[in-house]
Amino acid sequence: MRITIFYFLLFIISIKTLTSQNNGENEFGSWYEITSSNRISNKFSISGSFTSWNYQLPAKNSHLLLGIVGLNYQINPKLSVGVSYAYGEIESFNKINDIPATIDHRIIEQVVFNHKSNKVSFSHRFRLEQRFLTYPQENLLKHRIRYRFKIKTPLNRLFYLSTYDEIHFNLNSFDFQQNRAFAGLGITINKNMTTEIGYARHAFKTKSFNRLSLQLNLKCDFNKKKHQLE
């Protein structure tokens, strides 16, 4: 527990240092996300999410709108694989211009490995993405790989600390694309619903963005309900 809190504080300090080194936009933006995981059998589940990034609070000057729907297979209690489709609209970093939004169609393959040490939960998520991007003057296919490491530390039955870091690399020519870091407080509303609020930082090659992050996570077990009706 003490070790996890130490890393949590170290994460906050490092974020503050990055902020002082690279101001990026001087506006504080927002990152809203709703996720849903719906078990339909002992092994299969359907997942979905909707994400909204904005350059300014509360939801002004949109940066990204992204919807994802996927099918997942639970290999064992710790390991799962999945495939998803995503549709997104991405705005340029320049908030005032005549360039229309970039359309992003994605095919996503992922592997998730979860484990615990005492009461602390660790999650490793690996993703491959094939991104079919529609720019104003051309269409491109870009490949990307992502890795996210997340730690969840319970404080009591209601609250927990949540922190993660996710790095992205382009694979067309292996190159850093972006990094997403988050630290915040989680609240367990009930067994089917949690929410997390905190600070997120999105660092690209030349720009970095500070955002208030608010996430709502929903879970439903339709397989359990089906057995209850039988």
C-alpha atoms as a PDB file:
ATOM      1  CA  MET A   1       0.000   0.000   0.000  1.00  0.00           C
ATOM      2  CA  ARG A   2       2.760   2.469   0.987  1.00  0.00           C
ATOM      3  CA  ILE A   3       4.766   1.574  -2.114  1.00  0.00           C
ATOM      4  CA  THR A   4       1.769   2.215  -4.366  1.00  0.00           C
ATOM      5  CA  ILE A   5       1.064   5.597  -2.757  1.00  0.00           C
ATOM      6  CA  PHE A   6       4.752   6.458  -3.179  1.00  0.00           C
ATOM      7  CA  TYR A   7       4.559   5.731  -6.914  1.00  0.00           C
ATOM      8  CA  PHE A   8       1.301   7.677  -7.132  1.00  0.00           C
ATOM      9  CA  LEU A   9       2.965  10.758  -5.585  1.00  0.00           C
ATOM     10  CA  LEU A  10       6.023  10.298  -7.779  1.00  0.00           C
ATOM     11  CA  PHE A  11       3.707  10.229 -10.798  1.00  0.00           C
ATOM     12  CA  ILE A  12       2.118  13.546  -9.753  1.00  0.00           C
ATOM     13  CA  ILE A  13       5.541  15.148  -9.283  1.00  0.00           C
ATOM     14  CA  SER A  14       6.740  13.950 -12.686  1.00  0.00           C
ATOM     15  CA  ILE A  15       3.585  15.316 -14.330  1.00  0.00           C
ATOM     16  CA  LYS A  16       4.176  18.686 -12.664  1.00  0.00           C
ATOM     17  CA  THR A  17       7.752  18.669 -13.946  1.00  0.00           C
ATOM     18  CA  LEU A  18       6.599  17.908 -17.489  1.00  0.00           C
ATOM     19  CA  THR A  19       4.101  20.743 -17.252  1.00  0.00           C
ATOM     20  CA  SER A  20       6.815  23.207 -16.273  1.00  0.00           C
ATOM     21  CA  GLN A  21       9.068  22.023 -19.125  1.00  0.00           C
ATOM     22  CA  ASN A  22       6.440  22.093 -21.862  1.00  0.00           C
ATOM     23  CA  ASN A  23       3.451  24.345 -21.403  1.00  0.00           C
ATOM     24  CA  GLY A  24       1.724  23.267 -24.620  1.00  0.00           C
ATOM     25  CA  GLU A  25      -1.661  24.934 -24.658  1.00  0.00           C
ATOM     26  CA  ASN A  26      -2.242  27.313 -21.786  1.00  0.00           C
ATOM     27  CA  GLU A  27      -5.903  26.305 -21.681  1.00  0.00           C
ATOM     28  CA  PHE A  28      -7.132  23.561 -19.335  1.00  0.00           C
ATOM     29  CA  GLY A  29      -9.268  21.176 -21.344  1.00  0.00           C
ATOM     30  CA  SER A  30     -11.538  18.219 -20.642  1.00  0.00           C
ATOM     31  CA  TRP A  31     -11.600  14.494 -21.270  1.00  0.00           C
ATOM     32  CA  TYR A  32     -14.972  12.766 -20.809  1.00  0.00           C
ATOM     33  CA  GLU A  33     -15.436   9.056 -21.320  1.00  0.00           C
ATOM     34  CA  ILE A  34     -18.149   6.440 -20.821  1.00  0.00           C
ATOM     35  CA  THR A  35     -17.216   2.755 -21.004  1.00  0.00           C
ATOM     36  CA  SER A  36     -19.450  -0.301 -20.942  1.00  0.00           C
ATOM     37  CA  SER A  37     -18.651  -4.009 -20.514  1.00  0.00           C
ATOM     38  CA  ASN A  38     -21.503  -6.462 -21.073  1.00  0.00           C
ATOM     39  CA  ARG A  39     -20.987 -10.176 -20.462  1.00  0.00           C
ATOM     40  CA  ILE A  40     -23.128 -12.318 -22.776  1.00  0.00           C
ATOM     41  CA  SER A  41     -21.686 -15.769 -21.947  1.00  0.00           C
ATOM     42  CA  ASN A  42     -19.070 -17.376 -19.723  1.00  0.00           C
ATOM     43  CA  LYS A  43     -16.349 -16.438 -22.202  1.00  0.00           C
ATOM     44  CA  PHE A  44     -17.673 -13.608 -24.378  1.00  0.00           C
ATOM     45  CA  SER A  45     -18.490  -9.975 -23.676  1.00  0.00           C
ATOM     46  CA  ILE A  46     -19.408  -6.924 -25.734  1.00  0.00           C
ATOM     47  CA  SER A  47     -17.651  -3.678 -24.866  1.00  0.00           C
ATOM     48  CA  GLY A  48     -18.269  -0.099 -25.882  1.00  0.00           C
ATOM     49  CA  SER A  49     -16.985   3.376 -25.149  1.00  0.00           C
ATOM     50  CA  PHE A  50     -17.529   6.992 -26.119  1.00  0.00           C
ATOM     51  CA  THR A  51     -14.784   9.585 -25.676  1.00  0.00           C
ATOM     52  CA  SER A  52     -14.842  13.371 -25.949  1.00  0.00           C
ATOM     53  CA  TRP A  53     -11.695  15.507 -25.739  1.00  0.00           C
ATOM     54  CA  ASN A  54     -12.012  19.270 -25.663  1.00  0.00           C
ATOM     55  CA  TYR A  55      -9.446  22.071 -25.753  1.00  0.00           C
ATOM     56  CA  GLN A  56     -11.355  24.107 -23.143  1.00  0.00           C
ATOM     57  CA  LEU A  57     -13.621  23.413 -20.185  1.00  0.00           C
ATOM     58  CA  PRO A  58     -16.322  22.323 -19.898  1.00  0.00           C
ATOM     59  CA  ALA A  59     -16.695  21.102 -23.513  1.00  0.00           C
ATOM     60  CA  LYS A  60     -15.536  23.887 -25.828  1.00  0.00           C
ATOM     61  CA  ASN A  61     -13.434  23.551 -29.002  1.00  0.00           C
ATOM     62  CA  SER A  62     -13.656  19.814 -29.625  1.00  0.00           C
ATOM     63  CA  HIS A  63     -10.407  17.909 -30.172  1.00  0.00           C
ATOM     64  CA  LEU A  64     -11.695  14.328 -30.513  1.00  0.00           C
ATOM     65  CA  LEU A  65     -14.971  12.436 -30.620  1.00  0.00           C
ATOM     66  CA  LEU A  66     -14.482   8.658 -30.662  1.00  0.00           C
ATOM     67  CA  GLY A  67     -16.872   5.715 -30.391  1.00  0.00           C
ATOM     68  CA  ILE A  68     -15.724   2.095 -30.053  1.00  0.00           C
ATOM     69  CA  VAL A  69     -17.619  -1.212 -30.037  1.00  0.00           C
ATOM     70  CA  GLY A  70     -15.890  -4.555 -29.568  1.00  0.00           C
ATOM     71  CA  LEU A  71     -16.142  -8.286 -28.890  1.00  0.00           C
ATOM     72  CA  ASN A  72     -13.935  -9.851 -26.203  1.00  0.00           C
ATOM     73  CA  TYR A  73     -13.001 -13.421 -25.275  1.00  0.00           C
ATOM     74  CA  GLN A  74     -11.942 -14.354 -21.721  1.00  0.00           C
ATOM     75  CA  ILE A  75      -9.182 -16.971 -22.001  1.00  0.00           C
ATOM     76  CA  ASN A  76      -8.849 -17.278 -18.221  1.00  0.00           C
ATOM     77  CA  PRO A  77      -9.596 -15.038 -15.199  1.00  0.00           C
ATOM     78  CA  LYS A  78      -6.448 -12.966 -15.855  1.00  0.00           C
ATOM     79  CA  LEU A  79      -6.166 -12.917 -19.643  1.00  0.00           C
ATOM     80  CA  SER A  80      -8.532 -11.720 -22.374  1.00  0.00           C
ATOM     81  CA  VAL A  81      -8.331 -10.850 -26.075  1.00  0.00           C
ATOM     82  CA  GLY A  82     -10.616  -8.703 -28.198  1.00  0.00           C
ATOM     83  CA  VAL A  83     -11.295  -7.048 -31.533  1.00  0.00           C
ATOM     84  CA  SER A  84     -13.060  -3.705 -31.999  1.00  0.00           C
ATOM     85  CA  TYR A  85     -14.182  -1.131 -34.521  1.00  0.00           C
ATOM     86  CA  ALA A  86     -13.863   2.585 -33.840  1.00  0.00           C
ATOM     87  CA  TYR A  87     -15.091   5.734 -35.562  1.00  0.00           C
ATOM     88  CA  GLY A  88     -13.584   9.088 -34.702  1.00  0.00           C
ATOM     89  CA  GLU A  89     -13.495  12.740 -35.711  1.00  0.00           C
ATOM     90  CA  ILE A  90     -10.245  14.549 -34.912  1.00  0.00           C
ATOM     91  CA  GLU A  91      -9.740  18.308 -35.044  1.00  0.00           C
ATOM     92  CA  SER A  92      -6.437  20.006 -35.827  1.00  0.00           C
ATOM     93  CA  PHE A  93      -4.300  21.413 -33.024  1.00  0.00           C
ATOM     94  CA  ASN A  94      -4.942  24.831 -34.525  1.00  0.00           C
ATOM     95  CA  LYS A  95      -8.325  25.651 -33.067  1.00  0.00           C
ATOM     96  CA  ILE A  96      -9.169  28.348 -35.590  1.00  0.00           C
ATOM     97  CA  ASN A  97      -8.679  27.198 -39.187  1.00  0.00           C
ATOM     98  CA  ASP A  98     -10.541  26.113 -42.286  1.00  0.00           C
ATOM     99  CA  ILE A  99      -9.368  22.479 -42.205  1.00  0.00           C
ATOM    100  CA  PRO A 100     -12.283  20.074 -41.718  1.00  0.00           C
ATOM    101  CA  ALA A 101     -12.119  17.280 -39.164  1.00  0.00           C
ATOM    102  CA  THR A 102     -10.053  14.201 -39.952  1.00  0.00           C
ATOM    103  CA  ILE A 103     -12.203  11.068 -40.092  1.00  0.00           C
ATOM    104  CA  ASP A 104     -10.669   8.049 -38.383  1.00  0.00           C
ATOM    105  CA  HIS A 105     -11.921   4.474 -38.943  1.00  0.00           C
ATOM    106  CA  ARG A 106     -10.043   1.948 -36.811  1.00  0.00           C
ATOM    107  CA  ILE A 107      -9.744  -1.795 -36.491  1.00  0.00           C
ATOM    108  CA  ILE A 108      -8.355  -2.647 -33.047  1.00  0.00           C
ATOM    109  CA  GLU A 109      -6.898  -5.901 -31.701  1.00  0.00           C
ATOM    110  CA  GLN A 110      -6.054  -6.067 -28.019  1.00  0.00           C
ATOM    111  CA  VAL A 111      -4.694  -8.300 -25.267  1.00  0.00           C
ATOM    112  CA  VAL A 112      -5.390  -7.495 -21.591  1.00  0.00           C
ATOM    113  CA  PHE A 113      -3.606  -9.115 -18.654  1.00  0.00           C
ATOM    114  CA  ASN A 114      -4.791  -8.375 -15.094  1.00  0.00           C
ATOM    115  CA  HIS A 115      -3.285  -9.462 -11.782  1.00  0.00           C
ATOM    116  CA  LYS A 116      -3.275  -8.477  -8.101  1.00  0.00           C
ATOM    117  CA  SER A 117      -0.726  -8.086  -5.333  1.00  0.00           C
ATOM    118  CA  ASN A 118      -2.445  -7.986  -1.954  1.00  0.00           C
ATOM    119  CA  LYS A 119      -5.372  -5.645  -2.694  1.00  0.00           C
ATOM    120  CA  VAL A 120      -3.656  -3.629  -5.421  1.00  0.00           C
ATOM    121  CA  SER A 121      -4.814  -4.357  -9.002  1.00  0.00           C
ATOM    122  CA  PHE A 122      -2.490  -4.136 -12.008  1.00  0.00           C
ATOM    123  CA  SER A 123      -3.574  -4.083 -15.647  1.00  0.00           C
ATOM    124  CA  HIS A 124      -1.509  -4.398 -18.829  1.00  0.00           C
ATOM    125  CA  ARG A 125      -3.243  -3.599 -22.122  1.00  0.00           C
ATOM    126  CA  PHE A 126      -1.597  -4.082 -25.529  1.00  0.00           C
ATOM    127  CA  ARG A 127      -3.332  -2.746 -28.633  1.00  0.00           C
ATOM    128  CA  LEU A 128      -2.678  -2.888 -32.366  1.00  0.00           C
ATOM    129  CA  GLU A 129      -4.600  -0.426 -34.525  1.00  0.00           C
ATOM    130  CA  GLN A 130      -5.152  -0.129 -38.259  1.00  0.00           C
ATOM    131  CA  ARG A 131      -6.252   3.461 -38.783  1.00  0.00           C
ATOM    132  CA  PHE A 132      -7.963   4.422 -42.045  1.00  0.00           C
ATOM    133  CA  LEU A 133      -7.588   8.205 -41.984  1.00  0.00           C
ATOM    134  CA  THR A 134      -9.474  10.555 -44.293  1.00  0.00           C
ATOM    135  CA  TYR A 135      -7.651  13.880 -44.591  1.00  0.00           C
ATOM    136  CA  PRO A 136      -8.873  16.854 -46.658  1.00  0.00           C
ATOM    137  CA  GLN A 137      -6.513  16.020 -49.545  1.00  0.00           C
ATOM    138  CA  GLU A 138      -5.733  12.303 -49.149  1.00  0.00           C
ATOM    139  CA  ASN A 139      -6.557   8.997 -47.463  1.00  0.00           C
ATOM    140  CA  LEU A 140      -3.912   7.085 -45.509  1.00  0.00           C
ATOM    141  CA  LEU A 141      -3.599   3.781 -43.669  1.00  0.00           C
ATOM    142  CA  LYS A 142      -1.540   4.074 -40.501  1.00  0.00           C
ATOM    143  CA  HIS A 143      -0.597   1.297 -38.105  1.00  0.00           C
ATOM    144  CA  ARG A 144      -0.118   1.972 -34.409  1.00  0.00           C
ATOM    145  CA  ILE A 145       0.846   0.005 -31.292  1.00  0.00           C
ATOM    146  CA  ARG A 146      -0.134   1.013 -27.750  1.00  0.00           C
ATOM    147  CA  TYR A 147       0.728  -0.191 -24.261  1.00  0.00           C
ATOM    148  CA  ARG A 148      -1.103   0.899 -21.095  1.00  0.00           C
ATOM    149  CA  PHE A 149      -0.056   0.096 -17.528  1.00  0.00           C
ATOM    150  CA  LYS A 150      -2.698   0.839 -14.884  1.00  0.00           C
ATOM    151  CA  ILE A 151      -2.684   0.581 -11.083  1.00  0.00           C
ATOM    152  CA  LYS A 152      -5.795   0.600  -8.903  1.00  0.00           C
ATOM    153  CA  THR A 153      -5.313   0.912  -5.138  1.00  0.00           C
ATOM    154  CA  PRO A 154      -8.338   0.673  -2.817  1.00  0.00           C
ATOM    155  CA  LEU A 155      -8.515   3.178   0.028  1.00  0.00           C
ATOM    156  CA  ASN A 156     -11.716   1.749   1.514  1.00  0.00           C
ATOM    157  CA  ARG A 157     -14.898   0.121   0.206  1.00  0.00           C
ATOM    158  CA  LEU A 158     -15.941   3.318  -1.558  1.00  0.00           C
ATOM    159  CA  PHE A 159     -12.792   5.094  -2.782  1.00  0.00           C
ATOM    160  CA  TYR A 160      -9.670   4.027  -4.648  1.00  0.00           C
ATOM    161  CA  LEU A 161      -6.660   5.625  -6.327  1.00  0.00           C
ATOM    162  CA  SER A 162      -6.293   5.154 -10.070  1.00  0.00           C
ATOM    163  CA  THR A 163      -3.216   5.921 -12.157  1.00  0.00           C
ATOM    164  CA  TYR A 164      -1.994   4.834 -15.558  1.00  0.00           C
ATOM    165  CA  ASP A 165       0.345   5.656 -18.393  1.00  0.00           C
ATOM    166  CA  GLU A 166      -0.189   4.716 -22.041  1.00  0.00           C
ATOM    167  CA  ILE A 167       2.385   5.176 -24.786  1.00  0.00           C
ATOM    168  CA  HIS A 168       1.652   5.076 -28.536  1.00  0.00           C
ATOM    169  CA  PHE A 169       4.052   4.355 -31.405  1.00  0.00           C
ATOM    170  CA  ASN A 170       3.430   4.606 -35.135  1.00  0.00           C
ATOM    171  CA  LEU A 171       4.494   1.461 -36.987  1.00  0.00           C
ATOM    172  CA  ASN A 172       4.660   2.714 -40.598  1.00  0.00           C
ATOM    173  CA  SER A 173       8.023   4.075 -39.556  1.00  0.00           C
ATOM    174  CA  PHE A 174       8.576   3.178 -35.902  1.00  0.00           C
ATOM    175  CA  ASP A 175       8.160   6.521 -34.193  1.00  0.00           C
ATOM    176  CA  PHE A 176       6.724   8.007 -30.993  1.00  0.00           C
ATOM    177  CA  GLN A 177       3.182   9.292 -31.537  1.00  0.00           C
ATOM    178  CA  GLN A 178       1.801  10.296 -28.125  1.00  0.00           C
ATOM    179  CA  ASN A 179       1.650   9.516 -24.410  1.00  0.00           C
ATOM    180  CA  ARG A 180      -1.354   9.671 -22.101  1.00  0.00           C
ATOM    181  CA  ALA A 181      -0.936   9.860 -18.342  1.00  0.00           C
ATOM    182  CA  PHE A 182      -3.658   9.963 -15.692  1.00  0.00           C
ATOM    183  CA  ALA A 183      -3.881  10.148 -11.903  1.00  0.00           C
ATOM    184  CA  GLY A 184      -7.094  10.487  -9.969  1.00  0.00           C
ATOM    185  CA  LEU A 185      -9.668   9.302  -7.482  1.00  0.00           C
ATOM    186  CA  GLY A 186     -12.095   6.487  -8.188  1.00  0.00           C
ATOM    187  CA  ILE A 187     -15.514   5.999  -6.597  1.00  0.00           C
ATOM    188  CA  THR A 188     -17.328   2.667  -6.447  1.00  0.00           C
ATOM    189  CA  ILE A 189     -20.992   3.629  -6.841  1.00  0.00           C
ATOM    190  CA  ASN A 190     -22.201   0.011  -6.847  1.00  0.00           C
ATOM    191  CA  LYS A 191     -21.037  -3.371  -8.169  1.00  0.00           C
ATOM    192  CA  ASN A 192     -22.013  -2.356 -11.711  1.00  0.00           C
ATOM    193  CA  MET A 193     -20.787   1.228 -11.786  1.00  0.00           C
ATOM    194  CA  THR A 194     -17.623   3.183 -10.975  1.00  0.00           C
ATOM    195  CA  THR A 195     -16.442   6.674 -11.787  1.00  0.00           C
ATOM    196  CA  GLU A 196     -12.975   8.225 -11.909  1.00  0.00           C
ATOM    197  CA  ILE A 197     -12.041  11.900 -11.793  1.00  0.00           C
ATOM    198  CA  GLY A 198      -8.556  13.331 -11.993  1.00  0.00           C
ATOM    199  CA  TYR A 199      -5.825  14.966 -14.042  1.00  0.00           C
ATOM    200  CA  ALA A 200      -4.826  13.748 -17.514  1.00  0.00           C
ATOM    201  CA  ARG A 201      -1.922  14.885 -19.627  1.00  0.00           C
ATOM    202  CA  HIS A 202      -1.671  14.200 -23.363  1.00  0.00           C
ATOM    203  CA  ALA A 203       1.861  14.665 -24.691  1.00  0.00           C
ATOM    204  CA  PHE A 204       2.522  14.701 -28.431  1.00  0.00           C
ATOM    205  CA  LYS A 205       5.801  15.393 -30.219  1.00  0.00           C
ATOM    206  CA  THR A 206       5.525  19.157 -30.133  1.00  0.00           C
ATOM    207  CA  LYS A 207       2.514  19.895 -27.924  1.00  0.00           C
ATOM    208  CA  SER A 208       1.108  18.779 -24.583  1.00  0.00           C
ATOM    209  CA  PHE A 209      -2.382  19.260 -23.186  1.00  0.00           C
ATOM    210  CA  ASN A 210      -3.635  19.380 -19.599  1.00  0.00           C
ATOM    211  CA  ARG A 211      -7.142  18.065 -19.052  1.00  0.00           C
ATOM    212  CA  LEU A 212      -9.698  17.394 -16.380  1.00  0.00           C
ATOM    213  CA  SER A 213     -10.633  13.728 -16.828  1.00  0.00           C
ATOM    214  CA  LEU A 214     -14.039  12.321 -15.881  1.00  0.00           C
ATOM    215  CA  GLN A 215     -14.871   8.689 -16.635  1.00  0.00           C
ATOM    216  CA  LEU A 216     -17.964   6.582 -15.992  1.00  0.00           C
ATOM    217  CA  ASN A 217     -17.580   2.791 -16.171  1.00  0.00           C
ATOM    218  CA  LEU A 218     -20.591   0.475 -16.489  1.00  0.00           C
ATOM    219  CA  LYS A 219     -20.741  -3.319 -16.203  1.00  0.00           C
ATOM    220  CA  CYS A 220     -23.603  -5.699 -16.847  1.00  0.00           C
ATOM    221  CA  ASP A 221     -23.747  -9.503 -16.731  1.00  0.00           C
ATOM    222  CA  PHE A 222     -26.499 -10.660 -19.105  1.00  0.00           C
ATOM    223  CA  ASN A 223     -25.259 -14.226 -18.804  1.00  0.00           C
ATOM    224  CA  LYS A 224     -26.052 -14.229 -15.082  1.00  0.00           C
ATOM    225  CA  LYS A 225     -29.544 -12.854 -15.738  1.00  0.00           C
ATOM    226  CA  LYS A 226     -30.116 -15.525 -18.374  1.00  0.00           C
ATOM    227  CA  HIS A 227     -29.263 -18.311 -15.910  1.00  0.00           C
ATOM    228  CA  GLN A 228     -31.577 -16.787 -13.300  1.00  0.00           C
ATOM    229  CA  LEU A 229     -34.485 -16.937 -15.752  1.00  0.00           C
ATOM    230  CA  GLU A 230     -33.844 -20.588 -16.709  1.00  0.00           C
END
